[in-house]
PDB file of N, CA and C in Angstrom:
ATOM      1  N   MET A   1      81.631  48.443  96.850  1.00  0.00           N
ATOM      2  CA  MET A   1      82.485  50.185  96.825  1.00  0.00           C
ATOM      3  C   MET A   1      81.799  50.687  95.272  1.00  0.00           C
ATOM      4  N   GLU A   2      81.766  49.659  94.294  1.00  0.00           N
ATOM      5  CA  GLU A   2      81.324  50.279  92.924  1.00  0.00           C
ATOM      6  C   GLU A   2      79.768  50.301  93.104  1.00  0.00           C
ATOM      7  N   PHE A   3      79.004  49.742  93.692  1.00  0.00           N
ATOM      8  CA  PHE A   3      77.676  49.937  93.630  1.00  0.00           C
ATOM      9  C   PHE A   3      77.350  51.229  94.627  1.00  0.00           C
ATOM     10  N   LYS A   4      78.222  51.501  95.272  1.00  0.00           N
ATOM     11  CA  LYS A   4      78.288  53.247  96.227  1.00  0.00           C
ATOM     12  C   LYS A   4      78.217  54.260  95.297  1.00  0.00           C
ATOM     13  N   ARG A   5      79.448  54.131  94.127  1.00  0.00           N
ATOM     14  CA  ARG A   5      79.768  55.160  93.260  1.00  0.00           C
ATOM     15  C   ARG A   5      78.711  55.190  92.093  1.00  0.00           C
ATOM     16  N   SER A   6      77.937  53.949  92.193  1.00  0.00           N
ATOM     17  CA  SER A   6      77.099  54.035  90.954  1.00  0.00           C
ATOM     18  C   SER A   6      75.722  54.809  91.649  1.00  0.00           C
ATOM     19  N   LEU A   7      75.444  54.508  92.942  1.00  0.00           N
ATOM     20  CA  LEU A   7      74.344  55.278  93.507  1.00  0.00           C
ATOM     21  C   LEU A   7      74.319  56.699  93.536  1.00  0.00           C
ATOM     22  N   VAL A   8      75.738  57.053  93.627  1.00  0.00           N
ATOM     23  CA  VAL A   8      75.907  58.424  94.028  1.00  0.00           C
ATOM     24  C   VAL A   8      75.773  59.288  92.554  1.00  0.00           C
ATOM     25  N   LYS A   9      76.696  58.430  91.735  1.00  0.00           N
ATOM     26  CA  LYS A   9      75.942  59.298  90.333  1.00  0.00           C
ATOM     27  C   LYS A   9      74.704  59.007  89.883  1.00  0.00           C
ATOM     28  N   LEU A  10      74.038  58.002  90.270  1.00  0.00           N
ATOM     29  CA  LEU A  10      72.502  58.035  90.094  1.00  0.00           C
ATOM     30  C   LEU A  10      71.719  59.360  90.734  1.00  0.00           C
ATOM     31  N   VAL A  11      72.251  59.652  92.042  1.00  0.00           N
ATOM     32  CA  VAL A  11      71.541  60.620  92.882  1.00  0.00           C
ATOM     33  C   VAL A  11      71.849  61.764  92.383  1.00  0.00           C
ATOM     34  N   ALA A  12      73.173  62.072  91.774  1.00  0.00           N
ATOM     35  CA  ALA A  12      73.642  63.533  91.315  1.00  0.00           C
ATOM     36  C   ALA A  12      72.980  63.361  89.903  1.00  0.00           C
ATOM     37  N   VAL A  13      73.071  62.649  89.068  1.00  0.00           N
ATOM     38  CA  VAL A  13      72.267  63.002  87.871  1.00  0.00           C
ATOM     39  C   VAL A  13      70.645  63.059  88.228  1.00  0.00           C
ATOM     40  N   LEU A  14      70.090  62.209  88.913  1.00  0.00           N
ATOM     41  CA  LEU A  14      68.658  62.780  89.333  1.00  0.00           C
ATOM     42  C   LEU A  14      68.159  63.835  89.331  1.00  0.00           C
ATOM     43  N   SER A  15      69.138  64.225  90.571  1.00  0.00           N
ATOM     44  CA  SER A  15      68.945  65.534  91.263  1.00  0.00           C
ATOM     45  C   SER A  15      69.177  66.873  90.087  1.00  0.00           C
ATOM     46  N   LEU A  16      70.304  66.742  89.514  1.00  0.00           N
ATOM     47  CA  LEU A  16      70.090  68.019  88.054  1.00  0.00           C
ATOM     48  C   LEU A  16      68.879  67.398  87.324  1.00  0.00           C
ATOM     49  N   PHE A  17      69.112  66.520  86.909  1.00  0.00           N
ATOM     50  CA  PHE A  17      67.687  66.648  86.053  1.00  0.00           C
ATOM     51  C   PHE A  17      66.274  66.994  86.566  1.00  0.00           C
ATOM     52  N   PHE A  18      65.832  66.699  87.826  1.00  0.00           N
ATOM     53  CA  PHE A  18      65.022  67.610  88.280  1.00  0.00           C
ATOM     54  C   PHE A  18      65.159  68.879  88.619  1.00  0.00           C
ATOM     55  N   THR A  19      66.261  69.379  88.914  1.00  0.00           N
ATOM     56  CA  THR A  19      66.722  70.910  89.094  1.00  0.00           C
ATOM     57  C   THR A  19      65.887  71.447  87.795  1.00  0.00           C
ATOM     58  N   GLY A  20      66.967  71.109  86.758  1.00  0.00           N
ATOM     59  CA  GLY A  20      66.325  71.395  85.642  1.00  0.00           C
ATOM     60  C   GLY A  20      65.071  71.436  85.009  1.00  0.00           C
ATOM     61  N   VAL A  21      64.310  70.598  85.366  1.00  0.00           N
ATOM     62  CA  VAL A  21      63.100  70.221  85.081  1.00  0.00           C
ATOM     63  C   VAL A  21      62.275  71.268  85.548  1.00  0.00           C
ATOM     64  N   SER A  22      62.264  71.632  87.203  1.00  0.00           N
ATOM     65  CA  SER A  22      61.732  72.362  87.494  1.00  0.00           C
ATOM     66  C   SER A  22      62.201  73.640  87.267  1.00  0.00           C
ATOM     67  N   LEU A  23      63.163  74.302  86.900  1.00  0.00           N
ATOM     68  CA  LEU A  23      63.478  75.351  86.660  1.00  0.00           C
ATOM     69  C   LEU A  23      62.561  75.903  85.072  1.00  0.00           C
ATOM     70  N   ILE A  24      62.460  74.697  84.441  1.00  0.00           N
ATOM     71  CA  ILE A  24      62.102  75.015  83.303  1.00  0.00           C
ATOM     72  C   ILE A  24      60.347  75.591  83.265  1.00  0.00           C
ATOM     73  N   ASN A  25      59.933  74.665  84.251  1.00  0.00           N
ATOM     74  CA  ASN A  25      58.481  75.042  84.724  1.00  0.00           C
ATOM     75  C   ASN A  25      58.221  76.091  85.256  1.00  0.00           C
ATOM     76  N   VAL A  26      59.190  76.793  85.746  1.00  0.00           N
ATOM     77  CA  VAL A  26      58.707  78.138  86.520  1.00  0.00           C
ATOM     78  C   VAL A  26      57.944  78.973  85.689  1.00  0.00           C
ATOM     79  N   PRO A  27      57.033  79.358  85.736  1.00  0.00           N
ATOM     80  CA  PRO A  27      56.197  80.838  84.792  1.00  0.00           C
ATOM     81  C   PRO A  27      56.851  81.486  84.771  1.00  0.00           C
ATOM     82  N   ASN A  28      56.814  82.599  84.036  1.00  0.00           N
ATOM     83  CA  ASN A  28      57.835  83.922  83.809  1.00  0.00           C
ATOM     84  C   ASN A  28      56.639  84.918  83.887  1.00  0.00           C
ATOM     85  N   LEU A  29      56.607  85.499  85.103  1.00  0.00           N
ATOM     86  CA  LEU A  29      55.443  86.754  85.219  1.00  0.00           C
ATOM     87  C   LEU A  29      56.189  87.854  84.373  1.00  0.00           C
ATOM     88  N   ASN A  30      55.408  88.333  83.683  1.00  0.00           N
ATOM     89  CA  ASN A  30      55.980  89.751  82.896  1.00  0.00           C
ATOM     90  C   ASN A  30      55.536  91.030  83.827  1.00  0.00           C
ATOM     91  N   GLN A  31      55.858  92.012  83.573  1.00  0.00           N
ATOM     92  CA  GLN A  31      55.519  93.267  84.363  1.00  0.00           C
ATOM     93  C   GLN A  31      54.048  93.695  84.769  1.00  0.00           C
ATOM     94  N   SER A  32      52.914  93.316  83.477  1.00  0.00           N
ATOM     95  CA  SER A  32      51.989  93.521  83.798  1.00  0.00           C
ATOM     96  C   SER A  32      51.407  92.626  84.818  1.00  0.00           C
ATOM     97  N   GLN A  33      51.913  91.382  84.653  1.00  0.00           N
ATOM     98  CA  GLN A  33      51.092  90.595  85.631  1.00  0.00           C
ATOM     99  C   GLN A  33      51.784  90.661  87.105  1.00  0.00           C
ATOM    100  N   THR A  34      52.773  91.173  86.950  1.00  0.00           N
ATOM    101  CA  THR A  34      52.999  91.495  88.417  1.00  0.00           C
ATOM    102  C   THR A  34      52.757  92.604  88.944  1.00  0.00           C
ATOM    103  N   VAL A  35      52.123  93.691  88.581  1.00  0.00           N
ATOM    104  CA  VAL A  35      51.306  94.399  88.598  1.00  0.00           C
ATOM    105  C   VAL A  35      50.190  94.347  88.962  1.00  0.00           C
ATOM    106  N   GLN A  36      49.363  93.360  88.484  1.00  0.00           N
ATOM    107  CA  GLN A  36      47.996  93.127  88.458  1.00  0.00           C
ATOM    108  C   GLN A  36      47.772  92.635  89.668  1.00  0.00           C
ATOM    109  N   ALA A  37      49.043  91.277  89.881  1.00  0.00           N
ATOM    110  CA  ALA A  37      49.221  90.897  91.243  1.00  0.00           C
ATOM    111  C   ALA A  37      48.964  91.527  92.387  1.00  0.00           C
ATOM    112  N   ALA A  38      50.024  92.510  92.419  1.00  0.00           N
ATOM    113  CA  ALA A  38      50.350  93.760  93.312  1.00  0.00           C
ATOM    114  C   ALA A  38      49.074  94.121  93.711  1.00  0.00           C
ATOM    115  N   SER A  39      47.864  94.486  92.440  1.00  0.00           N
ATOM    116  CA  SER A  39      46.991  95.591  92.667  1.00  0.00           C
ATOM    117  C   SER A  39      45.715  94.598  93.307  1.00  0.00           C
ATOM    118  N   LYS A  40      45.825  93.194  93.090  1.00  0.00           N
ATOM    119  CA  LYS A  40      44.640  92.220  93.845  1.00  0.00           C
ATOM    120  C   LYS A  40      44.666  92.307  95.278  1.00  0.00           C
ATOM    121  N   LYS A  41      46.437  92.372  95.920  1.00  0.00           N
ATOM    122  CA  LYS A  41      46.434  92.060  96.808  1.00  0.00           C
ATOM    123  C   LYS A  41      46.248  93.408  97.644  1.00  0.00           C
ATOM    124  N   GLY A  42      46.377  94.627  97.009  1.00  0.00           N
ATOM    125  CA  GLY A  42      46.217  95.892  97.523  1.00  0.00           C
ATOM    126  C   GLY A  42      44.660  96.002  97.959  1.00  0.00           C
ATOM    127  N   LYS A  43      43.710  95.678  96.921  1.00  0.00           N
ATOM    128  CA  LYS A  43      42.569  95.539  96.933  1.00  0.00           C
ATOM    129  C   LYS A  43      42.029  94.590  98.211  1.00  0.00           C
ATOM    130  N   ARG A  44      42.296  93.551  98.328  1.00  0.00           N
ATOM    131  CA  ARG A  44      42.275  92.184  99.320  1.00  0.00           C
ATOM    132  C   ARG A  44      42.335  92.955 100.632  1.00  0.00           C
ATOM    133  N   ASN A  45      43.793  93.459 100.559  1.00  0.00           N
ATOM    134  CA  ASN A  45      44.074  94.354 102.089  1.00  0.00           C
ATOM    135  C   ASN A  45      42.967  95.324 102.396  1.00  0.00           C
ATOM    136  N   ALA A  46      42.551  96.412 101.466  1.00  0.00           N
ATOM    137  CA  ALA A  46      41.660  97.085 101.596  1.00  0.00           C
ATOM    138  C   ALA A  46      40.310  96.682 101.968  1.00  0.00           C
ATOM    139  N   VAL A  47      39.793  95.716 101.471  1.00  0.00           N
ATOM    140  CA  VAL A  47      38.750  95.194 101.793  1.00  0.00           C
ATOM    141  C   VAL A  47      38.590  94.369 103.508  1.00  0.00           C
ATOM    142  N   ALA A  48      39.870  93.731 103.744  1.00  0.00           N
ATOM    143  CA  ALA A  48      40.264  93.056 104.889  1.00  0.00           C
ATOM    144  C   ALA A  48      39.909  94.338 106.043  1.00  0.00           C
ATOM    145  N   LYS A  49      40.589  95.139 105.738  1.00  0.00           N
ATOM    146  CA  LYS A  49      40.923  96.125 106.742  1.00  0.00           C
ATOM    147  C   LYS A  49      39.742  97.275 106.822  1.00  0.00           C
ATOM    148  N   LEU A  50      38.731  97.353 105.954  1.00  0.00           N
ATOM    149  CA  LEU A  50      37.454  97.947 106.195  1.00  0.00           C
ATOM    150  C   LEU A  50      36.610  96.843 106.770  1.00  0.00           C
ATOM    151  N   ALA A  51      36.580  95.919 106.293  1.00  0.00           N
ATOM    152  CA  ALA A  51      35.454  95.061 107.212  1.00  0.00           C
ATOM    153  C   ALA A  51      35.949  94.937 108.605  1.00  0.00           C
ATOM    154  N   LYS A  52      37.131  94.948 108.892  1.00  0.00           N
ATOM    155  CA  LYS A  52      37.566  94.728 110.453  1.00  0.00           C
ATOM    156  C   LYS A  52      37.111  96.149 110.923  1.00  0.00           C
ATOM    157  N   LYS A  53      36.856  97.475 110.416  1.00  0.00           N
ATOM    158  CA  LYS A  53      36.731  98.429 111.101  1.00  0.00           C
ATOM    159  C   LYS A  53      35.241  98.276 111.234  1.00  0.00           C
ATOM    160  N   GLN A  54      34.494  97.294 110.939  1.00  0.00           N
ATOM    161  CA  GLN A  54      32.822  97.479 111.034  1.00  0.00           C
ATOM    162  C   GLN A  54      32.573  96.679 112.298  1.00  0.00           C
ATOM    163  N   VAL A  55      33.541  95.964 112.839  1.00  0.00           N
ATOM    164  CA  VAL A  55      33.420  94.951 113.769  1.00  0.00           C
ATOM    165  C   VAL A  55      32.759  95.768 115.042  1.00  0.00           C
ATOM    166  N   GLY A  56      31.948  95.097 115.824  1.00  0.00           N
ATOM    167  CA  GLY A  56      31.098  95.739 116.719  1.00  0.00           C
ATOM    168  C   GLY A  56      30.018  96.627 116.677  1.00  0.00           C
ATOM    169  N   LYS A  57      29.435  96.917 115.283  1.00  0.00           N
ATOM    170  CA  LYS A  57      28.275  97.272 114.797  1.00  0.00           C
ATOM    171  C   LYS A  57      27.222  96.263 115.085  1.00  0.00           C
ATOM    172  N   PRO A  58      25.947  96.882 115.187  1.00  0.00           N
ATOM    173  CA  PRO A  58      24.895  95.673 115.574  1.00  0.00           C
ATOM    174  C   PRO A  58      24.357  94.926 114.316  1.00  0.00           C
ATOM    175  N   TYR A  59      24.126  93.572 114.295  1.00  0.00           N
ATOM    176  CA  TYR A  59      23.561  93.214 113.040  1.00  0.00           C
ATOM    177  C   TYR A  59      22.041  93.471 112.911  1.00  0.00           C
ATOM    178  N   VAL A  60      21.588  93.836 112.071  1.00  0.00           N
ATOM    179  CA  VAL A  60      20.403  94.200 111.861  1.00  0.00           C
ATOM    180  C   VAL A  60      19.730  93.086 110.235  1.00  0.00           C
ATOM    181  N   TYR A  61      18.627  92.277 110.650  1.00  0.00           N
ATOM    182  CA  TYR A  61      18.161  91.531 109.245  1.00  0.00           C
ATOM    183  C   TYR A  61      18.031  92.766 108.165  1.00  0.00           C
ATOM    184  N   GLY A  62      18.686  92.489 106.894  1.00  0.00           N
ATOM    185  CA  GLY A  62      18.443  93.023 106.105  1.00  0.00           C
ATOM    186  C   GLY A  62      19.168  94.752 105.380  1.00  0.00           C
ATOM    187  N   ALA A  63      19.876  94.759 106.973  1.00  0.00           N
ATOM    188  CA  ALA A  63      21.038  95.850 107.011  1.00  0.00           C
ATOM    189  C   ALA A  63      22.180  96.142 105.905  1.00  0.00           C
ATOM    190  N   THR A  64      22.111  97.068 105.348  1.00  0.00           N
ATOM    191  CA  THR A  64      23.529  97.576 104.046  1.00  0.00           C
ATOM    192  C   THR A  64      24.641  98.243 104.726  1.00  0.00           C
ATOM    193  N   GLY A  65      24.660  98.501 105.856  1.00  0.00           N
ATOM    194  CA  GLY A  65      25.303  99.919 106.474  1.00  0.00           C
ATOM    195  C   GLY A  65      25.085 101.222 106.201  1.00  0.00           C
ATOM    196  N   PRO A  66      26.004 102.018 106.715  1.00  0.00           N
ATOM    197  CA  PRO A  66      27.243 101.771 107.622  1.00  0.00           C
ATOM    198  C   PRO A  66      27.134 101.673 108.844  1.00  0.00           C
ATOM    199  N   SER A  67      25.791 101.676 109.314  1.00  0.00           N
ATOM    200  CA  SER A  67      25.832 101.629 111.094  1.00  0.00           C
ATOM    201  C   SER A  67      25.144 100.357 111.583  1.00  0.00           C
ATOM    202  N   ALA A  68      24.685  99.635 110.454  1.00  0.00           N
ATOM    203  CA  ALA A  68      23.916  98.184 111.021  1.00  0.00           C
ATOM    204  C   ALA A  68      24.436  97.217 109.688  1.00  0.00           C
ATOM    205  N   PHE A  69      24.689  96.112 110.146  1.00  0.00           N
ATOM    206  CA  PHE A  69      24.921  95.331 108.956  1.00  0.00           C
ATOM    207  C   PHE A  69      24.467  93.365 109.118  1.00  0.00           C
ATOM    208  N   ASP A  70      23.970  93.000 108.027  1.00  0.00           N
ATOM    209  CA  ASP A  70      23.548  92.104 108.119  1.00  0.00           C
ATOM    210  C   ASP A  70      24.657  91.369 107.329  1.00  0.00           C
ATOM    211  N   CYS A  71      25.134  89.621 107.205  1.00  0.00           N
ATOM    212  CA  CYS A  71      26.188  89.021 106.882  1.00  0.00           C
ATOM    213  C   CYS A  71      26.418  89.520 105.352  1.00  0.00           C
ATOM    214  N   SER A  72      25.368  89.309 104.339  1.00  0.00           N
ATOM    215  CA  SER A  72      25.570  89.805 102.974  1.00  0.00           C
ATOM    216  C   SER A  72      25.608  91.611 102.874  1.00  0.00           C
ATOM    217  N   GLY A  73      24.786  92.186 103.724  1.00  0.00           N
ATOM    218  CA  GLY A  73      25.214  93.292 103.940  1.00  0.00           C
ATOM    219  C   GLY A  73      26.765  94.043 104.078  1.00  0.00           C
ATOM    220  N   LEU A  74      27.377  93.430 105.069  1.00  0.00           N
ATOM    221  CA  LEU A  74      28.358  93.658 105.347  1.00  0.00           C
ATOM    222  C   LEU A  74      29.349  93.735 104.051  1.00  0.00           C
ATOM    223  N   ALA A  75      29.201  92.324 103.607  1.00  0.00           N
ATOM    224  CA  ALA A  75      29.940  91.783 102.371  1.00  0.00           C
ATOM    225  C   ALA A  75      30.002  92.530 101.101  1.00  0.00           C
ATOM    226  N   GLN A  76      28.711  93.347 100.875  1.00  0.00           N
ATOM    227  CA  GLN A  76      28.173  94.144  99.900  1.00  0.00           C
ATOM    228  C   GLN A  76      29.056  95.379 100.051  1.00  0.00           C
ATOM    229  N   TYR A  77      28.870  96.014 101.032  1.00  0.00           N
ATOM    230  CA  TYR A  77      29.413  97.247 101.664  1.00  0.00           C
ATOM    231  C   TYR A  77      30.950  97.099 101.654  1.00  0.00           C
ATOM    232  N   VAL A  78      31.289  96.429 102.186  1.00  0.00           N
ATOM    233  CA  VAL A  78      33.052  96.547 101.823  1.00  0.00           C
ATOM    234  C   VAL A  78      33.476  96.205 100.714  1.00  0.00           C
ATOM    235  N   TYR A  79      32.925  95.482  99.763  1.00  0.00           N
ATOM    236  CA  TYR A  79      33.613  95.105  98.568  1.00  0.00           C
ATOM    237  C   TYR A  79      33.260  96.448  97.546  1.00  0.00           C
ATOM    238  N   LYS A  80      32.121  97.058  97.711  1.00  0.00           N
ATOM    239  CA  LYS A  80      31.657  98.391  97.090  1.00  0.00           C
ATOM    240  C   LYS A  80      32.680  99.273  97.379  1.00  0.00           C
ATOM    241  N   LYS A  81      32.904  99.832  98.795  1.00  0.00           N
ATOM    242  CA  LYS A  81      33.687 100.919  99.177  1.00  0.00           C
ATOM    243  C   LYS A  81      35.152 100.926  98.951  1.00  0.00           C
ATOM    244  N   ALA A  82      35.571  99.445  99.308  1.00  0.00           N
ATOM    245  CA  ALA A  82      37.097  99.519  99.242  1.00  0.00           C
ATOM    246  C   ALA A  82      37.405  98.947  97.884  1.00  0.00           C
ATOM    247  N   ALA A  83      36.970  98.196  97.032  1.00  0.00           N
ATOM    248  CA  ALA A  83      37.456  97.759  95.812  1.00  0.00           C
ATOM    249  C   ALA A  83      36.293  98.196  94.772  1.00  0.00           C
ATOM    250  N   ASN A  84      35.482  98.895  94.867  1.00  0.00           N
ATOM    251  CA  ASN A  84      34.638  99.244  93.932  1.00  0.00           C
ATOM    252  C   ASN A  84      33.932  98.299  93.101  1.00  0.00           C
ATOM    253  N   LYS A  85      33.783  97.186  93.574  1.00  0.00           N
ATOM    254  CA  LYS A  85      33.141  96.133  93.241  1.00  0.00           C
ATOM    255  C   LYS A  85      31.751  95.890  93.918  1.00  0.00           C
ATOM    256  N   THR A  86      30.710  95.875  92.848  1.00  0.00           N
ATOM    257  CA  THR A  86      29.250  95.332  93.175  1.00  0.00           C
ATOM    258  C   THR A  86      29.134  94.135  93.138  1.00  0.00           C
ATOM    259  N   LEU A  87      28.663  93.312  94.165  1.00  0.00           N
ATOM    260  CA  LEU A  87      28.140  92.304  94.370  1.00  0.00           C
ATOM    261  C   LEU A  87      26.849  92.052  94.313  1.00  0.00           C
ATOM    262  N   PRO A  88      26.729  90.715  93.648  1.00  0.00           N
ATOM    263  CA  PRO A  88      25.237  90.296  93.213  1.00  0.00           C
ATOM    264  C   PRO A  88      24.365  90.274  94.674  1.00  0.00           C
ATOM    265  N   ILE A  89      22.891  90.948  94.298  1.00  0.00           N
ATOM    266  CA  ILE A  89      21.898  90.832  95.521  1.00  0.00           C
ATOM    267  C   ILE A  89      21.465  89.394  95.367  1.00  0.00           C
ATOM    268  N   GLU A  90      21.524  88.690  96.270  1.00  0.00           N
ATOM    269  CA  GLU A  90      20.246  87.616  96.619  1.00  0.00           C
ATOM    270  C   GLU A  90      19.228  87.816  97.454  1.00  0.00           C
ATOM    271  N   LEU A  91      17.906  87.642  97.011  1.00  0.00           N
ATOM    272  CA  LEU A  91      16.946  87.679  98.144  1.00  0.00           C
ATOM    273  C   LEU A  91      16.448  86.468  99.095  1.00  0.00           C
ATOM    274  N   HIS A  92      16.402  86.306 100.174  1.00  0.00           N
ATOM    275  CA  HIS A  92      16.415  85.008 100.663  1.00  0.00           C
ATOM    276  C   HIS A  92      14.608  85.210 101.343  1.00  0.00           C
ATOM    277  N   ILE A  93      13.718  84.319 101.104  1.00  0.00           N
ATOM    278  CA  ILE A  93      12.781  84.559 101.728  1.00  0.00           C
ATOM    279  C   ILE A  93      12.396  83.774 102.772  1.00  0.00           C
ATOM    280  N   VAL A  94      12.208  83.967 104.232  1.00  0.00           N
ATOM    281  CA  VAL A  94      11.772  83.170 105.362  1.00  0.00           C
ATOM    282  C   VAL A  94      10.637  82.853 105.404  1.00  0.00           C
ATOM    283  N   ARG A  95      10.259  81.777 105.742  1.00  0.00           N
ATOM    284  CA  ARG A  95       8.790  81.277 105.928  1.00  0.00           C
ATOM    285  C   ARG A  95       8.769  80.584 107.225  1.00  0.00           C
TER     286      ARG A  95
END
């Protein structure tokens, strides 16, 4: 019986200890960090929404939109229009 009491006490102490540790390690977001996170989420949603609108447009090698795209052209187009972000251009030579 004494063993069970000791075990219960140990579990209680450990759970309180680990709860305290997890509370100490929780990052404290200030208001500007919260606003930045919301802004990033809004930009990501805008990029995804604009990309989905392009579904069904033809694939044309080297096309950058708005009537046809290749894969990198689509990425560059939606990031520029939705997030005002210019992605680097890579040229691939096909031989």
